[in-house]
């Protein structure tokens, strides 16, 4: 089973926080710092220069996947600072939020959506859908992104993922 880690900075209402719900239901482990993660644990960070691809499957399988839980309204500077750490970090390719707060907004995913997307793209599709199922709106994220997630999951290179993302952006700008 894939190890999922949550680094939570407590910006969100704990009753509504998707990351803490993953922890509470046993899908993830909460850690207090990036320093306690396994050395090669893949960290999702929207400020990373490297895009997530199916080629990251071995990193996730062997060392785990971490999400940094901060509010979109809070201090995103935390994410920028973490880029300086010598850990594998990835930005997700373009996807659309399915959560009720940011519904259909590109890239403004909740922590659980980010984790589910990373799992799906890297081949852990069943676990991805299982994690999404703990939220009433989880299927909405999957329904909005089903085709895109499937396309990303079939890529064999970073360039292919970027091309799909660019094609989506071109369609949006028409």
N, C-alpha and C. Protein backbone atom coordinates (compact mmCIF):
# COMPACT_ATOMS: atom_id res chain seq x y z
N UNK A 1 0.84 -1.19 0.00
CA UNK A 1 0.00 0.00 0.00
C UNK A 1 0.88 1.25 0.00
N UNK A 2 0.43 2.26 -0.70
CA UNK A 2 1.14 3.52 -0.79
C UNK A 2 1.03 4.28 0.53
N UNK A 3 2.14 4.80 0.99
CA UNK A 3 2.13 5.64 2.19
C UNK A 3 1.83 7.07 1.77
N UNK A 4 0.81 7.64 2.39
CA UNK A 4 0.43 9.03 2.12
C UNK A 4 0.68 9.83 3.39
N UNK A 5 1.35 10.96 3.22
CA UNK A 5 1.68 11.82 4.36
C UNK A 5 1.03 13.19 4.18
N UNK A 6 0.62 13.78 5.29
CA UNK A 6 0.04 15.12 5.30
C UNK A 6 0.88 15.98 6.23
N UNK A 7 1.34 17.10 5.69
CA UNK A 7 1.96 18.13 6.51
C UNK A 7 0.93 19.25 6.58
N UNK A 8 0.31 19.39 7.74
CA UNK A 8 -0.77 20.36 7.89
C UNK A 8 -0.30 21.56 8.70
N UNK A 9 -0.59 22.74 8.18
CA UNK A 9 -0.23 23.96 8.87
C UNK A 9 -1.42 24.57 9.61
N UNK A 10 -2.54 23.86 9.65
CA UNK A 10 -3.68 24.27 10.45
C UNK A 10 -4.39 25.52 9.98
N UNK A 11 -4.30 25.84 8.69
CA UNK A 11 -4.97 27.03 8.17
C UNK A 11 -6.46 26.83 7.97
N UNK A 12 -6.88 25.60 7.73
CA UNK A 12 -8.28 25.33 7.41
C UNK A 12 -9.07 24.96 8.66
N UNK A 13 -10.37 25.09 8.54
CA UNK A 13 -11.29 24.62 9.57
C UNK A 13 -11.10 23.11 9.67
N UNK A 14 -10.68 22.58 10.82
CA UNK A 14 -10.40 21.14 10.94
C UNK A 14 -11.60 20.25 10.59
N UNK A 15 -12.81 20.79 10.74
CA UNK A 15 -14.00 20.00 10.41
C UNK A 15 -14.21 19.87 8.91
N UNK A 16 -13.61 20.78 8.12
CA UNK A 16 -13.79 20.78 6.68
C UNK A 16 -12.53 20.41 5.92
N UNK A 17 -11.44 20.20 6.62
CA UNK A 17 -10.14 19.97 6.00
C UNK A 17 -10.05 18.56 5.40
N UNK A 18 -9.88 18.49 4.09
CA UNK A 18 -9.83 17.18 3.42
C UNK A 18 -8.59 16.39 3.82
N UNK A 19 -7.47 17.06 4.06
CA UNK A 19 -6.24 16.36 4.44
C UNK A 19 -6.41 15.69 5.80
N UNK A 20 -6.98 16.42 6.75
CA UNK A 20 -7.15 15.86 8.09
C UNK A 20 -8.19 14.74 8.10
N UNK A 21 -9.15 14.80 7.19
CA UNK A 21 -10.12 13.71 7.10
C UNK A 21 -9.44 12.45 6.57
N UNK A 22 -8.50 12.60 5.64
CA UNK A 22 -7.74 11.43 5.17
C UNK A 22 -6.97 10.81 6.33
N UNK A 23 -6.41 11.65 7.18
CA UNK A 23 -5.67 11.17 8.36
C UNK A 23 -6.62 10.46 9.31
N UNK A 24 -7.73 11.12 9.63
CA UNK A 24 -8.70 10.58 10.57
C UNK A 24 -9.21 9.20 10.14
N UNK A 25 -9.39 9.01 8.83
CA UNK A 25 -9.93 7.74 8.33
C UNK A 25 -8.85 6.71 8.00
N UNK A 26 -7.60 7.04 8.30
CA UNK A 26 -6.52 6.07 8.16
C UNK A 26 -5.90 5.97 6.78
N UNK A 27 -6.21 6.90 5.89
CA UNK A 27 -5.61 6.88 4.55
C UNK A 27 -4.25 7.57 4.51
N UNK A 28 -4.00 8.41 5.51
CA UNK A 28 -2.75 9.18 5.52
C UNK A 28 -2.24 9.30 6.95
N UNK A 29 -0.97 9.65 7.04
CA UNK A 29 -0.31 9.88 8.32
C UNK A 29 0.07 11.35 8.38
N UNK A 30 -0.26 11.98 9.49
CA UNK A 30 0.11 13.39 9.66
C UNK A 30 1.53 13.48 10.22
N UNK A 31 2.32 14.34 9.62
CA UNK A 31 3.67 14.62 10.12
C UNK A 31 3.79 16.13 10.32
N UNK A 32 4.70 16.53 11.19
CA UNK A 32 4.82 17.94 11.53
C UNK A 32 5.81 18.72 10.68
N UNK A 33 6.62 18.01 9.92
CA UNK A 33 7.67 18.69 9.19
C UNK A 33 8.10 17.86 7.98
N UNK A 34 8.61 18.55 6.99
CA UNK A 34 9.15 17.89 5.81
C UNK A 34 10.35 17.01 6.18
N UNK A 35 11.02 17.36 7.28
CA UNK A 35 12.23 16.66 7.70
C UNK A 35 11.97 15.24 8.19
N UNK A 36 10.76 14.91 8.58
CA UNK A 36 10.47 13.57 9.07
C UNK A 36 9.93 12.64 7.98
N UNK A 37 9.76 13.16 6.78
CA UNK A 37 9.33 12.32 5.66
C UNK A 37 10.47 11.41 5.23
N UNK A 38 10.14 10.25 4.66
CA UNK A 38 11.21 9.45 4.06
C UNK A 38 11.98 10.31 3.05
N UNK A 39 13.27 10.11 2.98
CA UNK A 39 14.16 10.99 2.20
C UNK A 39 13.70 11.23 0.76
N UNK A 40 13.20 10.23 0.09
CA UNK A 40 12.80 10.37 -1.31
C UNK A 40 11.29 10.40 -1.51
N UNK A 41 10.56 10.70 -0.44
CA UNK A 41 9.11 10.83 -0.54
C UNK A 41 8.78 11.94 -1.53
N UNK A 42 7.86 11.69 -2.45
CA UNK A 42 7.47 12.68 -3.43
C UNK A 42 6.50 13.68 -2.80
N UNK A 43 6.83 14.95 -2.88
CA UNK A 43 6.03 16.01 -2.27
C UNK A 43 5.29 16.78 -3.37
N UNK A 44 3.98 16.90 -3.21
CA UNK A 44 3.20 17.71 -4.14
C UNK A 44 3.35 19.17 -3.76
N UNK A 45 3.79 19.98 -4.71
CA UNK A 45 4.00 21.40 -4.45
C UNK A 45 3.68 22.18 -5.73
N UNK A 46 2.66 23.04 -5.70
CA UNK A 46 2.29 23.77 -6.91
C UNK A 46 3.37 24.74 -7.41
N UNK A 47 4.41 24.96 -6.64
CA UNK A 47 5.50 25.84 -7.07
C UNK A 47 6.71 25.07 -7.62
N UNK A 48 6.58 23.77 -7.71
CA UNK A 48 7.68 22.97 -8.24
C UNK A 48 7.87 23.25 -9.73
N UNK A 49 9.10 23.09 -10.19
CA UNK A 49 9.40 23.23 -11.62
C UNK A 49 9.21 21.91 -12.36
N UNK A 50 9.03 20.82 -11.63
CA UNK A 50 8.90 19.50 -12.25
C UNK A 50 7.45 19.04 -12.20
N UNK A 51 6.96 18.58 -13.33
CA UNK A 51 5.57 18.14 -13.42
C UNK A 51 5.46 16.65 -13.10
N UNK A 52 4.38 16.27 -12.44
CA UNK A 52 4.15 14.86 -12.11
C UNK A 52 3.84 14.07 -13.38
N UNK A 53 4.41 12.89 -13.49
CA UNK A 53 4.14 12.00 -14.63
C UNK A 53 4.00 10.57 -14.11
N UNK A 54 3.51 9.68 -14.96
CA UNK A 54 3.45 8.28 -14.54
C UNK A 54 4.82 7.70 -14.18
N UNK A 55 5.89 8.33 -14.64
CA UNK A 55 7.24 7.87 -14.34
C UNK A 55 7.59 8.03 -12.85
N UNK A 56 6.77 8.77 -12.12
CA UNK A 56 6.99 8.96 -10.69
C UNK A 56 6.43 7.83 -9.84
N UNK A 57 5.89 6.82 -10.48
CA UNK A 57 5.25 5.71 -9.75
C UNK A 57 6.21 5.04 -8.77
N UNK A 58 7.43 4.78 -9.19
CA UNK A 58 8.38 4.09 -8.30
C UNK A 58 8.70 4.92 -7.06
N UNK A 59 8.86 6.22 -7.21
CA UNK A 59 9.11 7.08 -6.04
C UNK A 59 7.97 6.96 -5.04
N UNK A 60 6.75 7.06 -5.55
CA UNK A 60 5.58 6.98 -4.67
C UNK A 60 5.45 5.60 -4.05
N UNK A 61 5.65 4.58 -4.85
CA UNK A 61 5.53 3.21 -4.37
C UNK A 61 6.56 2.89 -3.29
N UNK A 62 7.78 3.37 -3.49
CA UNK A 62 8.87 3.03 -2.57
C UNK A 62 8.99 3.96 -1.35
N UNK A 63 8.65 5.25 -1.53
CA UNK A 63 8.91 6.22 -0.47
C UNK A 63 7.68 6.99 0.02
N UNK A 64 6.60 6.93 -0.74
CA UNK A 64 5.38 7.60 -0.34
C UNK A 64 5.11 8.90 -1.08
N UNK A 65 3.96 9.48 -0.75
CA UNK A 65 3.47 10.70 -1.36
C UNK A 65 3.06 11.65 -0.24
N UNK A 66 3.50 12.90 -0.34
CA UNK A 66 3.16 13.89 0.70
C UNK A 66 2.44 15.07 0.09
N UNK A 67 1.45 15.54 0.83
CA UNK A 67 0.73 16.75 0.45
C UNK A 67 0.92 17.76 1.58
N UNK A 68 1.15 18.99 1.19
CA UNK A 68 1.32 20.07 2.15
C UNK A 68 -0.02 20.78 2.23
N UNK A 69 -0.64 20.73 3.37
CA UNK A 69 -1.99 21.27 3.52
C UNK A 69 -1.94 22.69 4.06
N UNK A 70 -2.14 23.63 3.13
CA UNK A 70 -2.28 25.04 3.49
C UNK A 70 -3.52 25.57 2.78
N UNK A 71 -4.09 26.61 3.32
CA UNK A 71 -5.27 27.21 2.73
C UNK A 71 -4.89 28.06 1.53
N UNK A 72 -5.74 28.03 0.49
CA UNK A 72 -5.52 28.92 -0.65
C UNK A 72 -5.62 30.37 -0.21
N UNK A 73 -6.31 30.63 0.90
CA UNK A 73 -6.44 32.00 1.42
C UNK A 73 -5.31 32.32 2.40
N UNK A 74 -4.57 31.30 2.81
CA UNK A 74 -3.53 31.48 3.82
C UNK A 74 -2.20 31.87 3.21
N UNK A 75 -1.16 31.54 3.91
CA UNK A 75 0.20 31.91 3.51
C UNK A 75 0.78 30.87 2.56
N UNK A 76 0.65 31.11 1.27
CA UNK A 76 1.21 30.19 0.28
C UNK A 76 2.73 30.31 0.21
N UNK A 77 3.28 31.28 0.91
CA UNK A 77 4.72 31.44 0.97
C UNK A 77 5.41 30.20 1.54
N UNK A 78 4.70 29.46 2.36
CA UNK A 78 5.23 28.21 2.91
C UNK A 78 5.63 27.27 1.78
N UNK A 79 4.77 27.17 0.78
CA UNK A 79 5.04 26.29 -0.35
C UNK A 79 6.25 26.75 -1.16
N UNK A 80 6.37 28.06 -1.31
CA UNK A 80 7.51 28.61 -2.05
C UNK A 80 8.82 28.31 -1.33
N UNK A 81 8.81 28.42 -0.01
CA UNK A 81 10.02 28.17 0.78
C UNK A 81 10.45 26.70 0.70
N UNK A 82 9.47 25.81 0.63
CA UNK A 82 9.79 24.38 0.61
C UNK A 82 10.49 23.93 -0.67
N UNK A 83 10.39 24.73 -1.72
CA UNK A 83 11.07 24.40 -2.98
C UNK A 83 12.57 24.28 -2.76
N UNK A 84 13.11 25.01 -1.80
CA UNK A 84 14.55 25.00 -1.55
C UNK A 84 15.05 23.69 -0.95
N UNK A 85 14.16 22.86 -0.44
CA UNK A 85 14.58 21.58 0.15
C UNK A 85 14.92 20.58 -0.94
N UNK A 86 15.96 19.86 -0.72
CA UNK A 86 16.42 18.86 -1.69
C UNK A 86 15.62 17.57 -1.55
N UNK A 87 14.37 17.66 -1.93
CA UNK A 87 13.45 16.52 -1.93
C UNK A 87 12.75 16.49 -3.26
N UNK A 88 12.34 15.31 -3.73
CA UNK A 88 11.58 15.28 -4.99
C UNK A 88 10.23 15.97 -4.80
N UNK A 89 10.00 17.00 -5.60
CA UNK A 89 8.74 17.75 -5.53
C UNK A 89 8.17 17.84 -6.94
N UNK A 90 6.83 17.76 -7.01
CA UNK A 90 6.17 17.82 -8.31
C UNK A 90 4.94 18.71 -8.24
N UNK A 91 4.69 19.37 -9.35
CA UNK A 91 3.45 20.10 -9.55
C UNK A 91 2.53 19.18 -10.37
N UNK A 92 1.26 19.22 -10.07
CA UNK A 92 0.30 18.44 -10.84
C UNK A 92 0.05 19.11 -12.18
N UNK A 93 -0.22 18.33 -13.21
CA UNK A 93 -0.65 18.95 -14.46
C UNK A 93 -2.05 19.54 -14.29
N UNK A 94 -2.48 20.30 -15.25
CA UNK A 94 -3.75 21.00 -15.18
C UNK A 94 -4.93 20.05 -14.92
N UNK A 95 -5.67 20.37 -13.87
CA UNK A 95 -6.89 19.65 -13.51
C UNK A 95 -7.87 20.65 -12.93
N UNK A 96 -9.13 20.25 -12.79
CA UNK A 96 -10.18 21.13 -12.31
C UNK A 96 -10.74 20.65 -10.98
N UNK A 97 -10.91 21.58 -10.06
CA UNK A 97 -11.42 21.24 -8.74
C UNK A 97 -12.86 20.75 -8.84
N UNK A 98 -13.18 19.76 -8.03
CA UNK A 98 -14.54 19.25 -7.93
C UNK A 98 -15.17 19.56 -6.58
N UNK A 99 -14.37 20.13 -5.69
CA UNK A 99 -14.89 20.45 -4.35
C UNK A 99 -15.84 21.64 -4.44
N UNK A 100 -16.78 21.73 -3.50
CA UNK A 100 -17.79 22.77 -3.57
C UNK A 100 -17.26 24.20 -3.44
N UNK A 101 -16.12 24.38 -2.80
CA UNK A 101 -15.57 25.73 -2.61
C UNK A 101 -14.96 26.28 -3.89
N UNK A 102 -14.25 25.46 -4.63
CA UNK A 102 -13.54 25.91 -5.84
C UNK A 102 -13.99 25.16 -7.09
N UNK A 103 -15.24 24.75 -7.13
CA UNK A 103 -15.76 23.92 -8.21
C UNK A 103 -15.37 24.45 -9.60
N UNK A 104 -14.77 23.56 -10.39
CA UNK A 104 -14.39 23.78 -11.79
C UNK A 104 -13.30 24.82 -11.99
N UNK A 105 -12.66 25.27 -10.92
CA UNK A 105 -11.55 26.21 -11.06
C UNK A 105 -10.28 25.40 -11.32
N UNK A 106 -9.57 25.77 -12.37
CA UNK A 106 -8.35 25.06 -12.74
C UNK A 106 -7.29 25.24 -11.66
N UNK A 107 -6.64 24.15 -11.30
CA UNK A 107 -5.49 24.05 -10.39
C UNK A 107 -5.80 24.34 -8.92
N UNK A 108 -6.99 24.74 -8.56
CA UNK A 108 -7.29 25.10 -7.17
C UNK A 108 -7.89 23.89 -6.45
N UNK A 109 -7.10 22.84 -6.35
CA UNK A 109 -7.55 21.57 -5.80
C UNK A 109 -7.44 21.54 -4.28
N UNK A 110 -8.31 20.76 -3.67
CA UNK A 110 -8.16 20.47 -2.25
C UNK A 110 -7.02 19.46 -2.09
N UNK A 111 -6.58 19.26 -0.87
CA UNK A 111 -5.50 18.29 -0.63
C UNK A 111 -5.88 16.89 -1.09
N UNK A 112 -7.11 16.48 -0.81
CA UNK A 112 -7.51 15.13 -1.22
C UNK A 112 -7.58 15.01 -2.74
N UNK A 113 -8.00 16.06 -3.41
CA UNK A 113 -8.03 16.02 -4.88
C UNK A 113 -6.61 15.91 -5.43
N UNK A 114 -5.68 16.64 -4.84
CA UNK A 114 -4.29 16.57 -5.28
C UNK A 114 -3.71 15.18 -5.09
N UNK A 115 -3.96 14.60 -3.92
CA UNK A 115 -3.47 13.24 -3.65
C UNK A 115 -4.11 12.25 -4.62
N UNK A 116 -5.42 12.34 -4.79
CA UNK A 116 -6.13 11.42 -5.68
C UNK A 116 -5.62 11.55 -7.12
N UNK A 117 -5.38 12.77 -7.57
CA UNK A 117 -4.87 12.98 -8.92
C UNK A 117 -3.49 12.36 -9.08
N UNK A 118 -2.61 12.60 -8.11
CA UNK A 118 -1.26 12.04 -8.19
C UNK A 118 -1.31 10.51 -8.21
N UNK A 119 -2.16 9.95 -7.38
CA UNK A 119 -2.29 8.49 -7.35
C UNK A 119 -2.81 7.96 -8.68
N UNK A 120 -3.81 8.61 -9.23
CA UNK A 120 -4.40 8.15 -10.49
C UNK A 120 -3.37 8.21 -11.62
N UNK A 121 -2.72 9.35 -11.74
CA UNK A 121 -1.76 9.55 -12.83
C UNK A 121 -0.61 8.55 -12.75
N UNK A 122 -0.21 8.18 -11.55
CA UNK A 122 0.93 7.27 -11.39
C UNK A 122 0.53 5.80 -11.32
N UNK A 123 -0.73 5.52 -11.61
CA UNK A 123 -1.15 4.12 -11.75
C UNK A 123 -1.82 3.50 -10.54
N UNK A 124 -2.06 4.26 -9.50
CA UNK A 124 -2.74 3.74 -8.31
C UNK A 124 -4.22 4.15 -8.37
N UNK A 125 -4.87 3.74 -9.45
CA UNK A 125 -6.22 4.22 -9.75
C UNK A 125 -7.25 3.79 -8.72
N UNK A 126 -7.19 2.54 -8.29
CA UNK A 126 -8.16 2.07 -7.29
C UNK A 126 -8.04 2.84 -5.99
N UNK A 127 -6.81 3.06 -5.54
CA UNK A 127 -6.60 3.83 -4.31
C UNK A 127 -7.06 5.27 -4.49
N UNK A 128 -6.83 5.83 -5.64
CA UNK A 128 -7.27 7.19 -5.94
C UNK A 128 -8.79 7.31 -5.77
N UNK A 129 -9.52 6.39 -6.36
CA UNK A 129 -10.98 6.44 -6.29
C UNK A 129 -11.48 6.15 -4.88
N UNK A 130 -10.77 5.31 -4.17
CA UNK A 130 -11.13 5.00 -2.78
C UNK A 130 -10.98 6.24 -1.90
N UNK A 131 -9.88 6.95 -2.08
CA UNK A 131 -9.64 8.18 -1.30
C UNK A 131 -10.71 9.23 -1.63
N UNK A 132 -11.04 9.36 -2.90
CA UNK A 132 -12.09 10.33 -3.28
C UNK A 132 -13.45 9.96 -2.71
N UNK A 133 -13.69 8.68 -2.53
CA UNK A 133 -15.02 8.22 -2.09
C UNK A 133 -15.36 8.63 -0.66
N UNK A 134 -14.38 9.11 0.09
CA UNK A 134 -14.68 9.50 1.47
C UNK A 134 -15.36 10.87 1.55
N UNK A 135 -15.50 11.53 0.40
CA UNK A 135 -16.16 12.83 0.33
C UNK A 135 -17.37 12.76 -0.58
N UNK A 136 -18.45 13.41 -0.20
CA UNK A 136 -19.67 13.41 -1.00
C UNK A 136 -19.41 13.93 -2.41
N UNK A 137 -18.50 14.86 -2.52
CA UNK A 137 -18.20 15.49 -3.80
C UNK A 137 -17.01 14.84 -4.52
N UNK A 138 -16.45 13.79 -3.96
CA UNK A 138 -15.27 13.15 -4.56
C UNK A 138 -15.51 12.69 -5.98
N UNK A 139 -16.69 12.13 -6.25
CA UNK A 139 -17.00 11.67 -7.60
C UNK A 139 -17.05 12.84 -8.58
N UNK A 140 -17.38 14.03 -8.09
CA UNK A 140 -17.44 15.21 -8.95
C UNK A 140 -16.06 15.54 -9.50
N UNK A 141 -15.05 15.47 -8.64
CA UNK A 141 -13.68 15.71 -9.11
C UNK A 141 -13.32 14.69 -10.19
N UNK A 142 -13.64 13.43 -9.94
CA UNK A 142 -13.31 12.39 -10.91
C UNK A 142 -14.09 12.60 -12.21
N UNK A 143 -15.38 12.90 -12.11
CA UNK A 143 -16.19 13.10 -13.32
C UNK A 143 -15.68 14.27 -14.15
N UNK A 144 -15.29 15.36 -13.50
CA UNK A 144 -14.78 16.54 -14.22
C UNK A 144 -13.46 16.24 -14.94
N UNK A 145 -12.66 15.36 -14.37
CA UNK A 145 -11.29 15.15 -14.86
C UNK A 145 -11.03 13.76 -15.43
N UNK A 146 -12.03 12.92 -15.51
CA UNK A 146 -11.84 11.52 -15.92
C UNK A 146 -11.00 11.38 -17.18
N UNK A 147 -11.39 12.05 -18.25
CA UNK A 147 -10.68 11.91 -19.52
C UNK A 147 -9.25 12.44 -19.42
N UNK A 148 -9.09 13.57 -18.76
CA UNK A 148 -7.76 14.17 -18.63
C UNK A 148 -6.85 13.27 -17.79
N UNK A 149 -7.37 12.78 -16.67
CA UNK A 149 -6.58 11.89 -15.81
C UNK A 149 -6.13 10.66 -16.58
N UNK A 150 -7.03 10.12 -17.36
CA UNK A 150 -6.70 8.93 -18.14
C UNK A 150 -5.61 9.24 -19.18
N UNK A 151 -5.72 10.38 -19.83
CA UNK A 151 -4.69 10.78 -20.80
C UNK A 151 -3.34 10.94 -20.11
N UNK A 152 -3.32 11.66 -18.99
CA UNK A 152 -2.06 11.84 -18.26
C UNK A 152 -1.48 10.49 -17.82
N UNK A 153 -2.34 9.59 -17.38
CA UNK A 153 -1.86 8.30 -16.85
C UNK A 153 -1.22 7.42 -17.92
N UNK A 154 -1.49 7.71 -19.18
CA UNK A 154 -0.93 6.91 -20.28
C UNK A 154 0.37 7.48 -20.85
N UNK A 155 0.79 8.63 -20.35
CA UNK A 155 1.98 9.29 -20.87
C UNK A 155 3.24 8.51 -20.50
N UNK A 156 4.23 8.63 -21.38
CA UNK A 156 5.50 7.96 -21.13
C UNK A 156 6.65 8.95 -20.93
N UNK A 157 6.31 10.24 -20.94
CA UNK A 157 7.34 11.26 -20.73
C UNK A 157 6.73 12.54 -20.19
N UNK A 158 7.59 13.38 -19.66
CA UNK A 158 7.19 14.70 -19.18
C UNK A 158 6.64 15.53 -20.34
N UNK A 159 7.27 15.42 -21.51
CA UNK A 159 6.84 16.19 -22.67
C UNK A 159 5.42 15.84 -23.10
N UNK A 160 5.05 14.58 -23.00
CA UNK A 160 3.68 14.17 -23.35
C UNK A 160 2.67 14.80 -22.39
N UNK A 161 2.98 14.80 -21.10
CA UNK A 161 2.08 15.39 -20.11
C UNK A 161 1.92 16.88 -20.40
N UNK A 162 3.01 17.55 -20.67
CA UNK A 162 2.96 18.99 -20.96
C UNK A 162 2.18 19.27 -22.23
N UNK A 163 2.31 18.42 -23.25
CA UNK A 163 1.55 18.61 -24.49
C UNK A 163 0.05 18.50 -24.24
N UNK A 164 -0.36 17.50 -23.45
CA UNK A 164 -1.78 17.36 -23.12
C UNK A 164 -2.27 18.59 -22.37
N UNK A 165 -1.49 19.03 -21.42
CA UNK A 165 -1.85 20.23 -20.65
C UNK A 165 -1.97 21.44 -21.57
N UNK A 166 -1.02 21.60 -22.49
CA UNK A 166 -1.06 22.73 -23.43
C UNK A 166 -2.29 22.66 -24.33
N UNK A 167 -2.65 21.46 -24.78
CA UNK A 167 -3.84 21.29 -25.61
C UNK A 167 -5.11 21.69 -24.85
N UNK A 168 -5.18 21.34 -23.58
CA UNK A 168 -6.34 21.71 -22.74
C UNK A 168 -6.41 23.23 -22.61
N UNK A 169 -5.26 23.86 -22.37
CA UNK A 169 -5.22 25.31 -22.22
C UNK A 169 -5.64 26.01 -23.52
N UNK A 170 -5.23 25.49 -24.68
CA UNK A 170 -5.63 26.06 -25.95
C UNK A 170 -7.14 25.99 -26.13
N UNK A 171 -7.75 24.87 -25.76
CA UNK A 171 -9.20 24.72 -25.86
C UNK A 171 -9.91 25.70 -24.94
N UNK A 172 -9.37 25.90 -23.74
CA UNK A 172 -9.98 26.83 -22.80
C UNK A 172 -9.91 28.27 -23.28
N UNK A 173 -8.87 28.60 -24.02
CA UNK A 173 -8.67 29.98 -24.48
C UNK A 173 -9.39 30.32 -25.79
N UNK A 174 -10.08 29.34 -26.36
CA UNK A 174 -10.82 29.59 -27.62
C UNK A 174 -12.10 30.33 -27.36
